[in-house]
Amino acid sequence: MTTQELIEEFQCPGCTCGMNIECGAYNLEDEGWHVCCEGHVLGTFIGAPNNAIALGLPKGFHKPGSDQDGKIKIKMDIRLWKAETHPKWNKFNIPIWAMEKDGFLFVRTYAPRINKGWVDVIEGGNFDLVPGAMNVAEFLDEID
């Protein structure tokens, strides 16, 4: 997939700025290894105003969490990885949860040293990349 296709597939759905990269808020972050749209803002809420979700991501990976004050975030740290690329996981960047779906590997990565997490979406990724991660598909029906 192209950079634009990845962003339109996983970030644009439900974004308050628009449903494609022609929205006017599109702001490509290209770190050379992963990409994302810095303009992405969650615009979909389920049930309550403080229950934001990212429509383009599967259950288990679609909730943004909260900030230091306990307020639900409306921006998510999502990193999109083209085929043949992925994060360098180690003791400082730990793959916690993972799930293969539709040719992509979704991973919740946590960096305990700096207390930061990301949702990584890896085109063509598989569980061989994250041997210590829990397989979310095994308990998906338990996730709200």
C-alpha atoms as a PDB file:
ATOM      1  CA  MET A   1       0.000   0.000   0.000  1.00  0.00           C
ATOM      2  CA  THR A   2       1.075   3.569  -0.497  1.00  0.00           C
ATOM      3  CA  THR A   3       1.524   5.960   2.408  1.00  0.00           C
ATOM      4  CA  GLN A   4      -1.709   7.711   1.505  1.00  0.00           C
ATOM      5  CA  GLU A   5      -3.625   4.416   1.287  1.00  0.00           C
ATOM      6  CA  LEU A   6      -2.399   3.368   4.743  1.00  0.00           C
ATOM      7  CA  ILE A   7      -3.491   6.673   6.256  1.00  0.00           C
ATOM      8  CA  GLU A   8      -6.877   6.629   4.509  1.00  0.00           C
ATOM      9  CA  GLU A   9      -7.477   3.027   5.646  1.00  0.00           C
ATOM     10  CA  PHE A  10      -6.492   3.341   9.300  1.00  0.00           C
ATOM     11  CA  GLN A  11      -6.611   7.013  10.329  1.00  0.00           C
ATOM     12  CA  CYS A  12      -9.150   8.811   8.131  1.00  0.00           C
ATOM     13  CA  PRO A  13     -12.277   6.798   9.080  1.00  0.00           C
ATOM     14  CA  GLY A  14     -14.128   8.784  11.743  1.00  0.00           C
ATOM     15  CA  CYS A  15     -11.561  11.605  11.803  1.00  0.00           C
ATOM     16  CA  THR A  16     -13.100  15.008  12.583  1.00  0.00           C
ATOM     17  CA  CYS A  17     -10.993  16.552   9.825  1.00  0.00           C
ATOM     18  CA  GLY A  18     -12.383  14.448   6.979  1.00  0.00           C
ATOM     19  CA  MET A  19     -12.546  10.992   5.447  1.00  0.00           C
ATOM     20  CA  ASN A  20      -9.478  11.203   3.187  1.00  0.00           C
ATOM     21  CA  ILE A  21      -6.168  13.017   2.820  1.00  0.00           C
ATOM     22  CA  GLU A  22      -7.870  15.796   0.827  1.00  0.00           C
ATOM     23  CA  CYS A  23      -9.462  17.062   4.076  1.00  0.00           C
ATOM     24  CA  GLY A  24      -7.246  20.131   4.421  1.00  0.00           C
ATOM     25  CA  ALA A  25      -5.786  18.987   7.756  1.00  0.00           C
ATOM     26  CA  TYR A  26      -3.620  16.207   6.312  1.00  0.00           C
ATOM     27  CA  ASN A  27      -0.132  16.572   7.774  1.00  0.00           C
ATOM     28  CA  LEU A  28       2.182  13.720   6.830  1.00  0.00           C
ATOM     29  CA  GLU A  29       4.722  12.622   9.396  1.00  0.00           C
ATOM     30  CA  ASP A  30       7.279  10.468   7.620  1.00  0.00           C
ATOM     31  CA  GLU A  31      10.016   9.292   9.937  1.00  0.00           C
ATOM     32  CA  GLY A  32      11.604   7.251   7.171  1.00  0.00           C
ATOM     33  CA  TRP A  33      10.523   4.010   8.792  1.00  0.00           C
ATOM     34  CA  HIS A  34       6.902   4.654   9.775  1.00  0.00           C
ATOM     35  CA  VAL A  35       4.276   7.171   8.681  1.00  0.00           C
ATOM     36  CA  CYS A  36       1.141   8.774  10.087  1.00  0.00           C
ATOM     37  CA  CYS A  37      -1.071  11.834   9.719  1.00  0.00           C
ATOM     38  CA  GLU A  38      -0.340  14.348  12.470  1.00  0.00           C
ATOM     39  CA  GLY A  39      -3.671  16.076  11.734  1.00  0.00           C
ATOM     40  CA  HIS A  40      -5.698  13.016  12.764  1.00  0.00           C
ATOM     41  CA  VAL A  41      -8.316  13.720  15.466  1.00  0.00           C
ATOM     42  CA  LEU A  42     -10.768  11.117  16.757  1.00  0.00           C
ATOM     43  CA  GLY A  43     -14.336  12.120  15.978  1.00  0.00           C
ATOM     44  CA  THR A  44     -16.315   9.019  16.870  1.00  0.00           C
ATOM     45  CA  PHE A  45     -17.675   8.398  20.351  1.00  0.00           C
ATOM     46  CA  ILE A  46     -19.597   5.337  21.517  1.00  0.00           C
ATOM     47  CA  GLY A  47     -22.203   5.719  24.241  1.00  0.00           C
ATOM     48  CA  ALA A  48     -20.688   8.661  26.077  1.00  0.00           C
ATOM     49  CA  PRO A  49     -18.750  11.789  25.109  1.00  0.00           C
ATOM     50  CA  ASN A  50     -15.677  10.445  26.894  1.00  0.00           C
ATOM     51  CA  ASN A  51     -15.552   7.162  24.954  1.00  0.00           C
ATOM     52  CA  ALA A  52     -13.634   8.076  21.781  1.00  0.00           C
ATOM     53  CA  ILE A  53     -12.576   5.406  19.300  1.00  0.00           C
ATOM     54  CA  ALA A  54     -10.562   5.220  16.094  1.00  0.00           C
ATOM     55  CA  LEU A  55     -12.932   3.706  13.521  1.00  0.00           C
ATOM     56  CA  GLY A  56     -10.112   2.547  11.247  1.00  0.00           C
ATOM     57  CA  LEU A  57      -8.598   0.228  13.870  1.00  0.00           C
ATOM     58  CA  PRO A  58      -9.946  -3.099  15.152  1.00  0.00           C
ATOM     59  CA  LYS A  59     -11.303  -3.703  18.642  1.00  0.00           C
ATOM     60  CA  GLY A  60      -8.479  -3.881  21.157  1.00  0.00           C
ATOM     61  CA  PHE A  61      -6.499  -1.252  19.280  1.00  0.00           C
ATOM     62  CA  HIS A  62      -9.104   1.465  18.679  1.00  0.00           C
ATOM     63  CA  LYS A  63      -9.224   3.216  22.076  1.00  0.00           C
ATOM     64  CA  PRO A  64      -6.887   6.142  22.712  1.00  0.00           C
ATOM     65  CA  GLY A  65      -6.540   5.950  26.478  1.00  0.00           C
ATOM     66  CA  SER A  66      -6.354   9.013  28.698  1.00  0.00           C
ATOM     67  CA  ASP A  67      -3.875  11.776  29.362  1.00  0.00           C
ATOM     68  CA  GLN A  68      -2.107  12.551  32.660  1.00  0.00           C
ATOM     69  CA  ASP A  69      -5.237  14.322  33.984  1.00  0.00           C
ATOM     70  CA  GLY A  70      -7.474  11.339  33.191  1.00  0.00           C
ATOM     71  CA  LYS A  71      -9.146  13.045  30.225  1.00  0.00           C
ATOM     72  CA  ILE A  72      -9.812  10.848  27.203  1.00  0.00           C
ATOM     73  CA  LYS A  73      -7.436  11.671  24.369  1.00  0.00           C
ATOM     74  CA  ILE A  74      -8.807  12.707  20.998  1.00  0.00           C
ATOM     75  CA  LYS A  75      -5.469  12.082  19.310  1.00  0.00           C
ATOM     76  CA  MET A  76      -3.787   8.685  19.178  1.00  0.00           C
ATOM     77  CA  ASP A  77      -0.189   7.704  18.691  1.00  0.00           C
ATOM     78  CA  ILE A  78      -0.568   5.494  15.623  1.00  0.00           C
ATOM     79  CA  ARG A  79       2.436   4.384  13.593  1.00  0.00           C
ATOM     80  CA  LEU A  80       1.820   2.875  10.158  1.00  0.00           C
ATOM     81  CA  TRP A  81       4.531   0.589   8.765  1.00  0.00           C
ATOM     82  CA  LYS A  82       4.775  -0.361   5.105  1.00  0.00           C
ATOM     83  CA  ALA A  83       5.533  -3.958   4.111  1.00  0.00           C
ATOM     84  CA  GLU A  84       8.996  -5.165   5.108  1.00  0.00           C
ATOM     85  CA  THR A  85       9.297  -2.550   7.898  1.00  0.00           C
ATOM     86  CA  HIS A  86       8.390  -2.728  11.580  1.00  0.00           C
ATOM     87  CA  PRO A  87       9.461  -1.330  14.952  1.00  0.00           C
ATOM     88  CA  LYS A  88      12.643  -2.484  16.641  1.00  0.00           C
ATOM     89  CA  TRP A  89      11.174  -4.198  19.691  1.00  0.00           C
ATOM     90  CA  ASN A  90      13.410  -4.829  22.688  1.00  0.00           C
ATOM     91  CA  LYS A  91      13.411  -4.314  26.464  1.00  0.00           C
ATOM     92  CA  PHE A  92      12.794  -0.581  25.928  1.00  0.00           C
ATOM     93  CA  ASN A  93       9.995  -0.966  23.331  1.00  0.00           C
ATOM     94  CA  ILE A  94       7.833  -3.932  24.257  1.00  0.00           C
ATOM     95  CA  PRO A  95       5.092  -5.484  22.109  1.00  0.00           C
ATOM     96  CA  ILE A  96       2.291  -6.157  24.612  1.00  0.00           C
ATOM     97  CA  TRP A  97      -0.792  -7.057  22.584  1.00  0.00           C
ATOM     98  CA  ALA A  98      -0.890  -8.190  18.961  1.00  0.00           C
ATOM     99  CA  MET A  99      -3.426  -9.418  16.440  1.00  0.00           C
ATOM    100  CA  GLU A 100      -3.208 -10.451  12.800  1.00  0.00           C
ATOM    101  CA  LYS A 101      -6.131  -9.252  10.691  1.00  0.00           C
ATOM    102  CA  ASP A 102      -6.628  -8.856   6.948  1.00  0.00           C
ATOM    103  CA  GLY A 103      -2.912  -9.013   6.121  1.00  0.00           C
ATOM    104  CA  PHE A 104      -1.842  -6.606   8.875  1.00  0.00           C
ATOM    105  CA  LEU A 105      -0.323  -7.054  12.299  1.00  0.00           C
ATOM    106  CA  PHE A 106      -1.735  -4.702  14.934  1.00  0.00           C
ATOM    107  CA  VAL A 107       0.484  -4.219  17.987  1.00  0.00           C
ATOM    108  CA  ARG A 108       0.163  -2.203  21.165  1.00  0.00           C
ATOM    109  CA  THR A 109       3.759  -1.238  21.905  1.00  0.00           C
ATOM    110  CA  TYR A 110       4.827   0.185  25.259  1.00  0.00           C
ATOM    111  CA  ALA A 111       8.032   1.997  26.197  1.00  0.00           C
ATOM    112  CA  PRO A 112       8.169   1.760  30.015  1.00  0.00           C
ATOM    113  CA  ARG A 113      11.255   3.944  30.387  1.00  0.00           C
ATOM    114  CA  ILE A 114       9.354   6.964  29.024  1.00  0.00           C
ATOM    115  CA  ASN A 115       5.806   5.763  29.864  1.00  0.00           C
ATOM    116  CA  LYS A 116       4.598   5.975  26.262  1.00  0.00           C
ATOM    117  CA  GLY A 117       2.543   3.680  24.071  1.00  0.00           C
ATOM    118  CA  TRP A 118       1.721   3.367  20.384  1.00  0.00           C
ATOM    119  CA  VAL A 119      -0.563   1.377  18.155  1.00  0.00           C
ATOM    120  CA  ASP A 120       1.605  -0.047  15.393  1.00  0.00           C
ATOM    121  CA  VAL A 121      -0.037  -1.244  12.167  1.00  0.00           C
ATOM    122  CA  ILE A 122       2.360  -3.374  10.128  1.00  0.00           C
ATOM    123  CA  GLU A 123       1.499  -4.264   6.553  1.00  0.00           C
ATOM    124  CA  GLY A 124       2.197  -7.970   6.004  1.00  0.00           C
ATOM    125  CA  GLY A 125       3.329  -8.448   9.614  1.00  0.00           C
ATOM    126  CA  ASN A 126       2.848 -11.682  11.543  1.00  0.00           C
ATOM    127  CA  PHE A 127       3.333 -13.104  15.035  1.00  0.00           C
ATOM    128  CA  ASP A 128       6.895 -14.145  14.286  1.00  0.00           C
ATOM    129  CA  LEU A 129       7.781 -10.463  14.789  1.00  0.00           C
ATOM    130  CA  VAL A 130       6.321 -10.344  18.332  1.00  0.00           C
ATOM    131  CA  PRO A 131       6.879 -13.713  20.040  1.00  0.00           C
ATOM    132  CA  GLY A 132       6.178 -12.401  23.562  1.00  0.00           C
ATOM    133  CA  ALA A 133       2.991 -10.472  22.790  1.00  0.00           C
ATOM    134  CA  MET A 134      -0.440 -11.695  23.866  1.00  0.00           C
ATOM    135  CA  ASN A 135      -2.694 -12.722  20.988  1.00  0.00           C
ATOM    136  CA  VAL A 136      -5.719 -10.433  21.292  1.00  0.00           C
ATOM    137  CA  ALA A 137      -7.762 -12.674  18.967  1.00  0.00           C
ATOM    138  CA  GLU A 138      -7.844 -15.262  21.784  1.00  0.00           C
ATOM    139  CA  PHE A 139      -9.900 -12.939  24.039  1.00  0.00           C
ATOM    140  CA  LEU A 140     -11.406 -10.456  21.554  1.00  0.00           C
ATOM    141  CA  ASP A 141     -14.972 -11.239  22.642  1.00  0.00           C
ATOM    142  CA  GLU A 142     -14.102 -10.096  26.188  1.00  0.00           C
ATOM    143  CA  ILE A 143     -13.061  -6.601  25.038  1.00  0.00           C
ATOM    144  CA  ASP A 144     -15.669  -3.832  25.061  1.00  0.00           C
END
